[in-house]
């Protein structure tokens, strides 16, 4: 089962303030997920963290007991569940790959032939990558709707 560690930088949990006081909203929200990393490694390896990752660990919000309310998962459905707050049968990403009957082809969860790849890496992909296969909005969409600035 995927062990997910999510850090939200930007203090999504605002300090308690009187209701008349305006709460400063974060300029940036980052979710950092590490597949199959046990939570104890964050503390065990703390002396080795530097720079931005150290800031995540020390100032971010840590969810080391995160779990999925369904059986085992894979990278794509697990990350999409974290990014949308919805279960795979709602967001549509139920596996890393699936068979598209119409094309008789194996489809990778984020493959998108309509998108030009940003750059070719050591392992070039034929298609670009996008969230096109996700049904419905995600966390970023909700945050943008709440504060379009």
C-alpha atoms as a PDB file:
ATOM      1  CA  UNK A   1       0.000   0.000   0.000  1.00  0.00           C
ATOM      2  CA  UNK A   2       1.158   3.457  -0.825  1.00  0.00           C
ATOM      3  CA  UNK A   3       2.452   5.426   2.120  1.00  0.00           C
ATOM      4  CA  UNK A   4       1.707   9.023   1.396  1.00  0.00           C
ATOM      5  CA  UNK A   5       3.370  11.948   3.074  1.00  0.00           C
ATOM      6  CA  UNK A   6       1.910  15.280   2.188  1.00  0.00           C
ATOM      7  CA  UNK A   7       3.388  18.607   3.112  1.00  0.00           C
ATOM      8  CA  UNK A   8       1.412  21.731   2.540  1.00  0.00           C
ATOM      9  CA  UNK A   9       3.636  24.778   2.550  1.00  0.00           C
ATOM     10  CA  UNK A  10       1.946  28.054   3.136  1.00  0.00           C
ATOM     11  CA  UNK A  11       0.111  27.457   6.394  1.00  0.00           C
ATOM     12  CA  UNK A  12      -3.274  26.255   5.206  1.00  0.00           C
ATOM     13  CA  UNK A  13      -4.172  26.096   8.869  1.00  0.00           C
ATOM     14  CA  UNK A  14      -4.279  29.751   9.833  1.00  0.00           C
ATOM     15  CA  UNK A  15      -3.582  30.713  13.441  1.00  0.00           C
ATOM     16  CA  UNK A  16      -6.584  31.537  15.561  1.00  0.00           C
ATOM     17  CA  UNK A  17      -7.415  35.193  15.088  1.00  0.00           C
ATOM     18  CA  UNK A  18     -10.398  37.320  15.988  1.00  0.00           C
ATOM     19  CA  UNK A  19     -13.037  36.999  13.270  1.00  0.00           C
ATOM     20  CA  UNK A  20     -12.677  40.695  12.341  1.00  0.00           C
ATOM     21  CA  UNK A  21      -8.988  40.271  11.512  1.00  0.00           C
ATOM     22  CA  UNK A  22      -8.188  39.480   7.891  1.00  0.00           C
ATOM     23  CA  UNK A  23      -6.238  36.257   7.460  1.00  0.00           C
ATOM     24  CA  UNK A  24      -3.227  36.526   5.176  1.00  0.00           C
ATOM     25  CA  UNK A  25      -3.561  33.885   2.499  1.00  0.00           C
ATOM     26  CA  UNK A  26      -0.543  31.911   1.398  1.00  0.00           C
ATOM     27  CA  UNK A  27       1.065  32.937  -1.886  1.00  0.00           C
ATOM     28  CA  UNK A  28       1.937  29.352  -2.704  1.00  0.00           C
ATOM     29  CA  UNK A  29       0.527  25.982  -1.717  1.00  0.00           C
ATOM     30  CA  UNK A  30       2.689  22.930  -2.401  1.00  0.00           C
ATOM     31  CA  UNK A  31       1.739  19.304  -1.868  1.00  0.00           C
ATOM     32  CA  UNK A  32       4.709  16.979  -1.708  1.00  0.00           C
ATOM     33  CA  UNK A  33       4.004  13.235  -1.831  1.00  0.00           C
ATOM     34  CA  UNK A  34       6.596  10.485  -1.467  1.00  0.00           C
ATOM     35  CA  UNK A  35       5.461   7.031  -2.567  1.00  0.00           C
ATOM     36  CA  UNK A  36       6.410   4.147  -0.302  1.00  0.00           C
ATOM     37  CA  UNK A  37       8.436   6.228   2.156  1.00  0.00           C
ATOM     38  CA  UNK A  38       7.716   5.337   5.752  1.00  0.00           C
ATOM     39  CA  UNK A  39       6.899   8.364   7.943  1.00  0.00           C
ATOM     40  CA  UNK A  40       9.759   7.608  10.352  1.00  0.00           C
ATOM     41  CA  UNK A  41      12.290   8.466   7.635  1.00  0.00           C
ATOM     42  CA  UNK A  42      11.415  12.149   7.940  1.00  0.00           C
ATOM     43  CA  UNK A  43      12.619  12.198  11.522  1.00  0.00           C
ATOM     44  CA  UNK A  44      15.391   9.646  11.112  1.00  0.00           C
ATOM     45  CA  UNK A  45      16.963  11.559   8.211  1.00  0.00           C
ATOM     46  CA  UNK A  46      16.220  15.078   9.500  1.00  0.00           C
ATOM     47  CA  UNK A  47      19.920  16.003   9.806  1.00  0.00           C
ATOM     48  CA  UNK A  48      20.333  15.460   6.053  1.00  0.00           C
ATOM     49  CA  UNK A  49      17.510  17.747   4.901  1.00  0.00           C
ATOM     50  CA  UNK A  50      18.624  21.122   3.541  1.00  0.00           C
ATOM     51  CA  UNK A  51      17.182  24.023   1.597  1.00  0.00           C
ATOM     52  CA  UNK A  52      13.598  23.871   0.450  1.00  0.00           C
ATOM     53  CA  UNK A  53      12.985  20.321   1.612  1.00  0.00           C
ATOM     54  CA  UNK A  54      14.140  21.225   5.119  1.00  0.00           C
ATOM     55  CA  UNK A  55      11.659  24.111   5.025  1.00  0.00           C
ATOM     56  CA  UNK A  56       8.884  21.687   4.011  1.00  0.00           C
ATOM     57  CA  UNK A  57       9.690  19.407   6.931  1.00  0.00           C
ATOM     58  CA  UNK A  58      10.050  22.153   9.535  1.00  0.00           C
ATOM     59  CA  UNK A  59       7.382  24.671   8.481  1.00  0.00           C
ATOM     60  CA  UNK A  60       4.915  22.673   6.429  1.00  0.00           C
ATOM     61  CA  UNK A  61       1.919  20.649   7.482  1.00  0.00           C
ATOM     62  CA  UNK A  62       2.666  16.940   7.840  1.00  0.00           C
ATOM     63  CA  UNK A  63       0.152  14.156   7.274  1.00  0.00           C
ATOM     64  CA  UNK A  64       2.143  11.048   8.168  1.00  0.00           C
ATOM     65  CA  UNK A  65      -0.946   8.970   8.948  1.00  0.00           C
ATOM     66  CA  UNK A  66      -2.621   9.594   5.585  1.00  0.00           C
ATOM     67  CA  UNK A  67      -4.333   6.555   4.109  1.00  0.00           C
ATOM     68  CA  UNK A  68      -6.852   5.694   1.441  1.00  0.00           C
ATOM     69  CA  UNK A  69     -10.318   4.474   2.340  1.00  0.00           C
ATOM     70  CA  UNK A  70     -10.141   1.723  -0.265  1.00  0.00           C
ATOM     71  CA  UNK A  71      -8.001  -1.319  -1.053  1.00  0.00           C
ATOM     72  CA  UNK A  72      -4.468  -1.062  -2.431  1.00  0.00           C
ATOM     73  CA  UNK A  73      -3.683   1.714  -4.843  1.00  0.00           C
ATOM     74  CA  UNK A  74      -1.193   2.696  -7.517  1.00  0.00           C
ATOM     75  CA  UNK A  75       0.613   5.969  -8.125  1.00  0.00           C
ATOM     76  CA  UNK A  76      -1.885   7.613 -10.492  1.00  0.00           C
ATOM     77  CA  UNK A  77      -5.124   6.880  -8.608  1.00  0.00           C
ATOM     78  CA  UNK A  78      -3.484   7.601  -5.236  1.00  0.00           C
ATOM     79  CA  UNK A  79      -2.030  10.935  -6.273  1.00  0.00           C
ATOM     80  CA  UNK A  80      -5.266  11.916  -8.014  1.00  0.00           C
ATOM     81  CA  UNK A  81      -7.225  11.093  -4.854  1.00  0.00           C
ATOM     82  CA  UNK A  82      -4.887  13.357  -2.862  1.00  0.00           C
ATOM     83  CA  UNK A  83      -5.119  16.115  -5.477  1.00  0.00           C
ATOM     84  CA  UNK A  84      -8.901  16.045  -5.856  1.00  0.00           C
ATOM     85  CA  UNK A  85     -10.184  14.812  -2.515  1.00  0.00           C
ATOM     86  CA  UNK A  86     -12.357  12.290  -4.376  1.00  0.00           C
ATOM     87  CA  UNK A  87     -12.267   8.515  -4.728  1.00  0.00           C
ATOM     88  CA  UNK A  88     -11.031   6.890  -7.967  1.00  0.00           C
ATOM     89  CA  UNK A  89     -14.526   5.927  -9.098  1.00  0.00           C
ATOM     90  CA  UNK A  90     -15.406   9.643  -8.939  1.00  0.00           C
ATOM     91  CA  UNK A  91     -12.246  11.219 -10.416  1.00  0.00           C
ATOM     92  CA  UNK A  92     -11.897   8.507 -13.079  1.00  0.00           C
ATOM     93  CA  UNK A  93      -8.266   7.483 -12.561  1.00  0.00           C
ATOM     94  CA  UNK A  94      -8.621   3.897 -11.347  1.00  0.00           C
ATOM     95  CA  UNK A  95      -5.199   2.560 -12.392  1.00  0.00           C
ATOM     96  CA  UNK A  96      -1.847   3.659 -13.791  1.00  0.00           C
ATOM     97  CA  UNK A  97      -2.762   2.176 -17.186  1.00  0.00           C
ATOM     98  CA  UNK A  98      -5.945   0.963 -18.834  1.00  0.00           C
ATOM     99  CA  UNK A  99      -7.099  -0.484 -22.134  1.00  0.00           C
ATOM    100  CA  UNK A 100      -8.951   1.940 -24.395  1.00  0.00           C
ATOM    101  CA  UNK A 101     -11.293  -0.328 -26.350  1.00  0.00           C
ATOM    102  CA  UNK A 102     -11.911   2.174 -29.152  1.00  0.00           C
ATOM    103  CA  UNK A 103      -8.203   2.466 -29.969  1.00  0.00           C
ATOM    104  CA  UNK A 104      -7.313  -1.049 -28.780  1.00  0.00           C
ATOM    105  CA  UNK A 105      -4.401   0.597 -26.980  1.00  0.00           C
ATOM    106  CA  UNK A 106      -2.879   0.658 -23.513  1.00  0.00           C
ATOM    107  CA  UNK A 107      -3.266   4.198 -22.117  1.00  0.00           C
ATOM    108  CA  UNK A 108      -1.059   5.680 -19.384  1.00  0.00           C
ATOM    109  CA  UNK A 109      -3.018   7.776 -16.885  1.00  0.00           C
ATOM    110  CA  UNK A 110      -1.456  11.145 -17.800  1.00  0.00           C
ATOM    111  CA  UNK A 111      -0.624  10.517 -21.476  1.00  0.00           C
ATOM    112  CA  UNK A 112      -2.151  13.106 -23.793  1.00  0.00           C
ATOM    113  CA  UNK A 113      -1.396  13.092 -27.523  1.00  0.00           C
ATOM    114  CA  UNK A 114      -2.943  16.568 -27.852  1.00  0.00           C
ATOM    115  CA  UNK A 115      -0.226  18.095 -25.665  1.00  0.00           C
ATOM    116  CA  UNK A 116       3.298  18.812 -26.867  1.00  0.00           C
ATOM    117  CA  UNK A 117       5.934  17.453 -24.462  1.00  0.00           C
ATOM    118  CA  UNK A 118       7.799  20.235 -22.649  1.00  0.00           C
ATOM    119  CA  UNK A 119      11.119  18.603 -23.443  1.00  0.00           C
ATOM    120  CA  UNK A 120      12.481  15.195 -24.212  1.00  0.00           C
ATOM    121  CA  UNK A 121      14.125  13.588 -21.208  1.00  0.00           C
ATOM    122  CA  UNK A 122      16.497  10.636 -21.101  1.00  0.00           C
ATOM    123  CA  UNK A 123      13.439   8.435 -21.572  1.00  0.00           C
ATOM    124  CA  UNK A 124      11.455  10.265 -24.263  1.00  0.00           C
ATOM    125  CA  UNK A 125       7.697   9.925 -24.369  1.00  0.00           C
ATOM    126  CA  UNK A 126       5.696   9.906 -27.564  1.00  0.00           C
ATOM    127  CA  UNK A 127       2.888  11.923 -26.001  1.00  0.00           C
ATOM    128  CA  UNK A 128       2.710  14.908 -23.737  1.00  0.00           C
ATOM    129  CA  UNK A 129       1.366  14.694 -20.225  1.00  0.00           C
ATOM    130  CA  UNK A 130      -1.717  16.378 -18.799  1.00  0.00           C
ATOM    131  CA  UNK A 131      -4.519  15.919 -16.259  1.00  0.00           C
ATOM    132  CA  UNK A 132      -7.075  15.596 -19.110  1.00  0.00           C
ATOM    133  CA  UNK A 133      -8.317  12.163 -17.959  1.00  0.00           C
ATOM    134  CA  UNK A 134      -9.307  13.449 -14.504  1.00  0.00           C
ATOM    135  CA  UNK A 135     -13.051  13.945 -14.128  1.00  0.00           C
ATOM    136  CA  UNK A 136     -13.904  17.113 -12.269  1.00  0.00           C
ATOM    137  CA  UNK A 137     -11.954  19.769 -10.403  1.00  0.00           C
ATOM    138  CA  UNK A 138      -8.975  19.306  -8.126  1.00  0.00           C
ATOM    139  CA  UNK A 139      -7.530  21.072  -5.106  1.00  0.00           C
ATOM    140  CA  UNK A 140      -5.822  23.701  -7.282  1.00  0.00           C
ATOM    141  CA  UNK A 141      -9.153  24.509  -8.959  1.00  0.00           C
ATOM    142  CA  UNK A 142     -10.866  24.948  -5.580  1.00  0.00           C
ATOM    143  CA  UNK A 143      -8.075  27.207  -4.304  1.00  0.00           C
ATOM    144  CA  UNK A 144      -8.179  29.318  -7.465  1.00  0.00           C
ATOM    145  CA  UNK A 145     -11.966  29.656  -7.259  1.00  0.00           C
ATOM    146  CA  UNK A 146     -11.674  30.764  -3.625  1.00  0.00           C
ATOM    147  CA  UNK A 147      -9.074  33.412  -4.484  1.00  0.00           C
ATOM    148  CA  UNK A 148      -8.584  33.989  -8.241  1.00  0.00           C
ATOM    149  CA  UNK A 149      -5.696  36.423  -7.645  1.00  0.00           C
END
